[in-house]
Amino acid sequence: MTRTGSPLGRRVLLGVLGVVVLAAIWELYKALGPATGVVIGDLTVLPRTSDLAMPHVWDMVARLFRPVRSAGDDEMMWQAVLQASFFSLGVAAVGWFVGVVVGMVLAIFMQRFRTAESALLPWIVLSQTVPLIAIAPLVKRWGSQIEIGSFSWENWMSVALIASYLAFFPVSIGALRGLGSPDVNHVELMRTYSVGWWATLVRLRLPASVPYLLPALRLAAANAVIGTVVAEVSIGLRGGIGRMIVEYAAAAGGDPAKPWAPIFGAVLVGLLAAGVVALIGLALARYRRGETPA
């Protein structure tokens, strides 16, 4: 019996099915759960099921097709969310690209010089323990002091820098593992034929690192999106999905479905980022040993 359907089609179908199941679980809990939520001691384990805390799924979807402000001729909610989503996606893409470049450079440097690995790797790990909310205002303040000729630092650059700060870590670790993954016999064969370090890197180590690098790129994309949204909130950058979440949350009392619209936008940004990395995986499918091509 032959299997029909492409792997991509099956994944899309499973993704849609997952969304339907999640919506069904939401509505089932809203119908059967206690109005005050599930509380154990002083800890709220599950949320309240009131319309204010948990609007119906169809109400949240319908809110996307109404104006941003109920009284007025504003643009439709889905248009505002889409614009903010693409703004945040662009900033996250810049941060992801910078993070990937920095991570790859660090990985190649550490693979080339073992002393550099011993010196840098602990600091790379330690860098991820710094609270993001704490460094975001500092990055904005430092960036505002940069002026080179006609160039001046803008707030979105601070957000992109914070996104790259989160994105470089998985890339540097994953690439370092991948660059060291070739079989010793293959490395020795390259040395036997007097192949230089650079040629060995390009022809052997980089292709061998792809199965390790692609999961790192996916994680870096997720980190860049999270860093962008959180940094937009911390820095106060307008136009992005992070700031929109904060602004719309203030309207939750009179319009419970409104704060969920930018959350859908944040989900869209994450899906688009994951889709871009999936396309990269398709382009590198010939090198993906041990992985099932997307």
Protein backbone atom coordinates (compact mmCIF):
# COMPACT_ATOMS: atom_id res chain seq x y z
CA MET A 1 0.00 0.00 0.00
CA THR A 2 1.51 3.31 -1.05
CA ARG A 3 1.40 6.45 1.02
CA THR A 4 -0.20 9.49 -0.60
CA GLY A 5 0.28 13.15 0.06
CA SER A 6 3.43 15.15 0.43
CA PRO A 7 5.20 15.47 3.80
CA LEU A 8 4.55 19.23 3.71
CA GLY A 9 0.82 18.67 3.15
CA ARG A 10 0.64 16.24 6.06
CA ARG A 11 2.40 18.71 8.33
CA VAL A 12 0.03 21.51 7.36
CA LEU A 13 -2.92 19.21 7.99
CA LEU A 14 -1.55 18.23 11.40
CA GLY A 15 -0.96 21.90 12.21
CA VAL A 16 -4.56 22.82 11.35
CA LEU A 17 -5.80 19.83 13.34
CA GLY A 18 -3.73 20.99 16.32
CA VAL A 19 -5.34 24.46 16.18
CA VAL A 20 -8.83 22.89 16.05
CA VAL A 21 -8.05 20.62 19.02
CA LEU A 22 -6.69 23.57 21.02
CA ALA A 23 -9.84 25.61 20.31
CA ALA A 24 -12.01 22.65 21.32
CA ILE A 25 -10.10 22.25 24.61
CA TRP A 26 -10.49 25.99 25.27
CA GLU A 27 -14.26 25.89 24.76
CA LEU A 28 -14.65 22.63 26.71
CA TYR A 29 -12.86 24.05 29.74
CA LYS A 30 -14.83 27.30 29.45
CA ALA A 31 -18.09 25.30 29.45
CA LEU A 32 -17.21 22.86 32.24
CA GLY A 33 -14.59 24.66 34.33
CA PRO A 34 -15.41 26.61 37.52
CA ALA A 35 -16.10 30.31 37.13
CA THR A 36 -13.45 31.16 39.73
CA GLY A 37 -10.83 28.93 38.13
CA VAL A 38 -8.95 26.08 39.76
CA VAL A 39 -7.15 27.26 42.88
CA ILE A 40 -4.87 25.10 45.04
CA GLY A 41 -4.04 26.91 48.24
CA ASP A 42 -3.14 30.43 47.18
CA LEU A 43 -2.03 29.35 43.70
CA THR A 44 -4.32 29.67 40.68
CA VAL A 45 -3.61 26.60 38.55
CA LEU A 46 -6.22 27.14 35.83
CA PRO A 47 -7.82 30.47 34.82
CA ARG A 48 -11.32 31.73 35.45
CA THR A 49 -13.90 30.85 32.83
CA SER A 50 -15.73 34.17 32.70
CA ASP A 51 -16.09 35.98 29.39
CA LEU A 52 -13.71 38.65 30.68
CA ALA A 53 -10.90 36.16 31.35
CA MET A 54 -11.68 33.63 28.60
CA PRO A 55 -13.66 35.01 25.65
CA HIS A 56 -15.16 32.50 23.26
CA VAL A 57 -12.96 31.53 20.33
CA TRP A 58 -15.52 32.83 17.85
CA ASP A 59 -15.65 36.17 19.67
CA MET A 60 -11.87 36.54 19.40
CA VAL A 61 -11.96 35.68 15.70
CA ALA A 62 -14.91 38.00 15.04
CA ARG A 63 -13.08 40.86 16.79
CA LEU A 64 -10.41 40.72 14.09
CA PHE A 65 -12.99 41.84 11.53
CA ARG A 66 -14.20 44.89 13.43
CA PRO A 67 -12.56 48.33 13.65
CA VAL A 68 -9.80 48.85 16.18
CA ARG A 69 -11.98 51.31 18.08
CA SER A 70 -15.64 50.43 18.15
CA ALA A 71 -16.69 54.09 17.95
CA GLY A 72 -14.99 55.44 14.86
CA ASP A 73 -13.91 54.74 11.31
CA ASP A 74 -10.54 53.17 12.20
CA GLU A 75 -8.94 50.47 10.14
CA MET A 76 -9.96 46.89 10.72
CA MET A 77 -8.35 45.06 13.61
CA TRP A 78 -6.78 42.41 11.37
CA GLN A 79 -5.12 45.13 9.30
CA ALA A 80 -3.59 46.80 12.37
CA VAL A 81 -2.41 43.45 13.72
CA LEU A 82 -0.95 42.46 10.36
CA GLN A 83 1.00 45.72 10.06
CA ALA A 84 2.37 45.38 13.59
CA SER A 85 3.24 41.72 12.95
CA PHE A 86 5.27 42.49 9.84
CA PHE A 87 7.03 45.34 11.62
CA SER A 88 8.06 42.99 14.44
CA LEU A 89 8.94 40.28 11.95
CA GLY A 90 11.31 42.64 10.13
CA VAL A 91 13.05 43.63 13.35
CA ALA A 92 13.27 39.99 14.44
CA ALA A 93 14.72 39.04 11.03
CA VAL A 94 17.50 41.61 11.41
CA GLY A 95 18.23 40.33 14.91
CA TRP A 96 18.16 36.72 13.75
CA PHE A 97 20.54 37.40 10.87
CA VAL A 98 23.02 39.27 13.08
CA GLY A 99 22.77 36.54 15.71
CA VAL A 100 23.42 33.80 13.16
CA VAL A 101 26.47 35.60 11.78
CA VAL A 102 27.92 36.23 15.24
CA GLY A 103 27.16 32.68 16.36
CA MET A 104 28.80 31.16 13.29
CA VAL A 105 31.91 33.34 13.64
CA LEU A 106 32.26 32.38 17.30
CA ALA A 107 31.75 28.68 16.53
CA ILE A 108 34.35 28.68 13.75
CA PHE A 109 36.80 30.56 15.96
CA MET A 110 36.31 28.15 18.86
CA GLN A 111 36.61 25.11 16.60
CA ARG A 112 39.82 26.44 15.09
CA PHE A 113 41.45 27.28 18.42
CA ARG A 114 40.67 24.97 21.33
CA THR A 115 42.07 27.52 23.76
CA ALA A 116 39.47 29.99 22.49
CA GLU A 117 36.73 27.41 23.15
CA SER A 118 37.87 26.99 26.76
CA ALA A 119 38.01 30.75 27.20
CA LEU A 120 34.82 31.80 25.41
CA LEU A 121 32.31 28.99 25.91
CA PRO A 122 31.68 29.62 29.65
CA TRP A 123 31.08 33.31 28.92
CA ILE A 124 28.71 32.48 26.07
CA VAL A 125 26.67 30.29 28.41
CA LEU A 126 26.82 32.90 31.17
CA SER A 127 25.56 35.61 28.81
CA GLN A 128 22.15 33.95 28.67
CA THR A 129 21.60 34.27 32.43
CA VAL A 130 21.23 38.08 32.25
CA PRO A 131 17.53 39.09 32.54
CA LEU A 132 16.31 40.49 29.23
CA ILE A 133 14.08 43.10 30.85
CA ALA A 134 17.08 44.42 32.77
CA ILE A 135 19.36 44.96 29.77
CA ALA A 136 16.76 46.36 27.34
CA PRO A 137 16.68 49.90 28.83
CA LEU A 138 20.48 49.90 29.05
CA VAL A 139 20.81 48.98 25.38
CA LYS A 140 18.40 51.76 24.46
CA ARG A 141 20.36 54.28 26.55
CA TRP A 142 23.74 53.24 25.14
CA GLY A 143 22.41 53.22 21.60
CA SER A 144 20.94 56.72 21.90
CA GLN A 145 24.46 58.04 22.50
CA ILE A 146 25.78 56.66 19.20
CA GLU A 147 26.03 59.29 16.47
CA ILE A 148 28.43 58.84 13.57
CA GLY A 149 28.10 61.57 10.97
CA SER A 150 24.55 61.51 9.67
CA PHE A 151 23.91 58.12 11.27
CA SER A 152 21.90 58.03 14.48
CA TRP A 153 20.83 55.01 16.50
CA GLU A 154 17.10 54.30 16.41
CA ASN A 155 14.97 52.41 18.91
CA TRP A 156 14.24 49.54 16.55
CA MET A 157 17.98 48.90 16.32
CA SER A 158 18.08 48.39 20.08
CA VAL A 159 15.28 45.84 19.76
CA ALA A 160 17.10 44.06 16.92
CA LEU A 161 20.30 44.00 18.98
CA ILE A 162 18.49 42.37 21.89
CA ALA A 163 16.94 39.82 19.50
CA SER A 164 20.40 38.99 18.14
CA TYR A 165 21.67 38.66 21.72
CA LEU A 166 19.20 35.81 22.25
CA ALA A 167 19.65 34.32 18.78
CA PHE A 168 23.43 33.94 18.71
CA PHE A 169 23.60 31.48 21.62
CA PRO A 170 21.92 28.38 20.10
CA VAL A 171 23.72 28.99 16.80
CA SER A 172 27.16 29.18 18.41
CA ILE A 173 26.57 26.01 20.45
CA GLY A 174 24.92 24.03 17.65
CA ALA A 175 27.46 25.06 15.04
CA LEU A 176 30.34 24.23 17.38
CA ARG A 177 28.98 20.71 17.86
CA GLY A 178 28.39 20.34 14.14
CA LEU A 179 31.84 21.58 13.11
CA GLY A 180 33.39 18.98 15.40
CA SER A 181 31.14 16.15 14.19
CA PRO A 182 33.07 14.83 11.13
CA ASP A 183 34.59 11.39 11.52
CA VAL A 184 38.25 11.42 12.54
CA ASN A 185 39.12 9.29 9.52
CA HIS A 186 37.64 11.88 7.18
CA VAL A 187 39.58 14.68 8.84
CA GLU A 188 42.80 12.67 8.66
CA LEU A 189 42.15 11.93 4.99
CA MET A 190 41.93 15.65 4.28
CA ARG A 191 45.22 16.16 6.07
CA THR A 192 46.82 13.31 4.12
CA TYR A 193 45.98 15.08 0.88
CA SER A 194 47.40 18.33 2.34
CA VAL A 195 44.04 20.04 2.26
CA GLY A 196 44.23 23.30 4.20
CA TRP A 197 42.09 24.24 7.18
CA TRP A 198 39.87 26.60 5.19
CA ALA A 199 39.15 24.04 2.46
CA THR A 200 38.44 21.40 5.11
CA LEU A 201 36.01 23.79 6.78
CA VAL A 202 34.12 24.48 3.56
CA ARG A 203 34.15 20.96 2.09
CA LEU A 204 33.85 18.82 5.21
CA ARG A 205 33.01 20.58 8.46
CA LEU A 206 30.28 22.97 7.27
CA PRO A 207 28.32 20.29 5.36
CA ALA A 208 28.66 17.95 8.35
CA SER A 209 27.33 20.66 10.69
CA VAL A 210 23.99 21.10 8.88
CA PRO A 211 22.05 18.49 10.95
CA TYR A 212 23.18 20.31 14.09
CA LEU A 213 22.81 23.79 12.66
CA LEU A 214 19.21 23.60 11.45
CA PRO A 215 17.70 22.91 14.91
CA ALA A 216 19.87 25.75 16.21
CA LEU A 217 18.52 28.07 13.52
CA ARG A 218 14.95 27.14 14.47
CA LEU A 219 15.65 27.86 18.12
CA ALA A 220 17.42 31.09 17.19
CA ALA A 221 14.38 32.20 15.17
CA ALA A 222 12.09 31.53 18.14
CA ASN A 223 14.47 33.38 20.47
CA ALA A 224 14.63 36.34 18.09
CA VAL A 225 10.84 36.63 17.98
CA ILE A 226 10.54 36.37 21.77
CA GLY A 227 13.35 38.87 22.25
CA THR A 228 11.73 41.29 19.81
CA VAL A 229 8.32 41.18 21.48
CA VAL A 230 9.73 41.52 25.01
CA ALA A 231 12.16 44.27 24.00
CA GLU A 232 9.39 46.25 22.30
CA VAL A 233 7.52 46.20 25.60
CA SER A 234 10.60 47.09 27.68
CA ILE A 235 11.86 49.85 25.39
CA GLY A 236 8.44 51.18 24.46
CA LEU A 237 8.90 50.83 20.70
CA ARG A 238 5.65 51.69 18.94
CA GLY A 239 4.48 50.00 15.78
CA GLY A 240 5.31 46.45 16.83
CA ILE A 241 3.25 43.60 18.17
CA GLY A 242 4.81 43.77 21.64
CA ARG A 243 3.70 47.33 22.29
CA MET A 244 0.28 46.54 20.84
CA ILE A 245 -0.19 43.73 23.38
CA VAL A 246 0.39 46.18 26.23
CA GLU A 247 -1.85 48.89 24.78
CA TYR A 248 -4.74 46.55 23.99
CA ALA A 249 -4.53 44.87 27.39
CA ALA A 250 -5.79 48.13 28.90
CA ALA A 251 -9.05 47.64 26.98
CA ALA A 252 -9.71 44.16 28.35
CA GLY A 253 -12.38 45.36 30.79
CA GLY A 254 -14.71 46.75 28.13
CA ASP A 255 -13.57 44.67 25.16
CA PRO A 256 -12.34 41.24 26.39
CA ALA A 257 -11.58 39.89 22.91
CA LYS A 258 -9.41 42.84 21.86
CA PRO A 259 -6.19 41.90 23.76
CA TRP A 260 -6.16 38.51 22.04
CA ALA A 261 -5.80 40.02 18.56
CA PRO A 262 -2.10 41.00 18.96
CA ILE A 263 -1.46 37.62 20.60
CA PHE A 264 -2.65 36.02 17.37
CA GLY A 265 -0.26 38.37 15.59
CA ALA A 266 2.64 37.20 17.76
CA VAL A 267 1.75 33.60 16.88
CA LEU A 268 1.75 34.57 13.19
CA VAL A 269 5.22 36.10 13.52
CA GLY A 270 6.51 32.91 15.13
CA LEU A 271 4.99 30.74 12.39
CA LEU A 272 6.47 32.88 9.63
CA ALA A 273 9.90 32.77 11.27
CA ALA A 274 9.67 28.98 11.55
CA GLY A 275 8.56 28.79 7.92
CA VAL A 276 11.62 30.73 6.73
CA VAL A 277 13.93 28.34 8.58
CA ALA A 278 11.99 25.40 7.09
CA LEU A 279 12.69 26.78 3.60
CA ILE A 280 16.39 26.96 4.48
CA GLY A 281 16.14 23.33 5.56
CA LEU A 282 14.66 22.40 2.19
CA ALA A 283 17.55 24.10 0.41
CA LEU A 284 20.03 22.12 2.53
CA ALA A 285 18.13 18.83 2.38
CA ARG A 286 21.05 16.94 0.79
CA TYR A 287 23.17 17.56 3.90
CA ARG A 288 20.54 16.66 6.49
CA ARG A 289 21.83 13.33 7.72
CA GLY A 290 19.65 11.88 10.45
CA GLU A 291 16.78 14.30 9.79
CA THR A 292 13.60 13.92 7.80
CA PRO A 293 13.50 16.71 5.21
CA ALA A 294 10.60 19.10 5.61
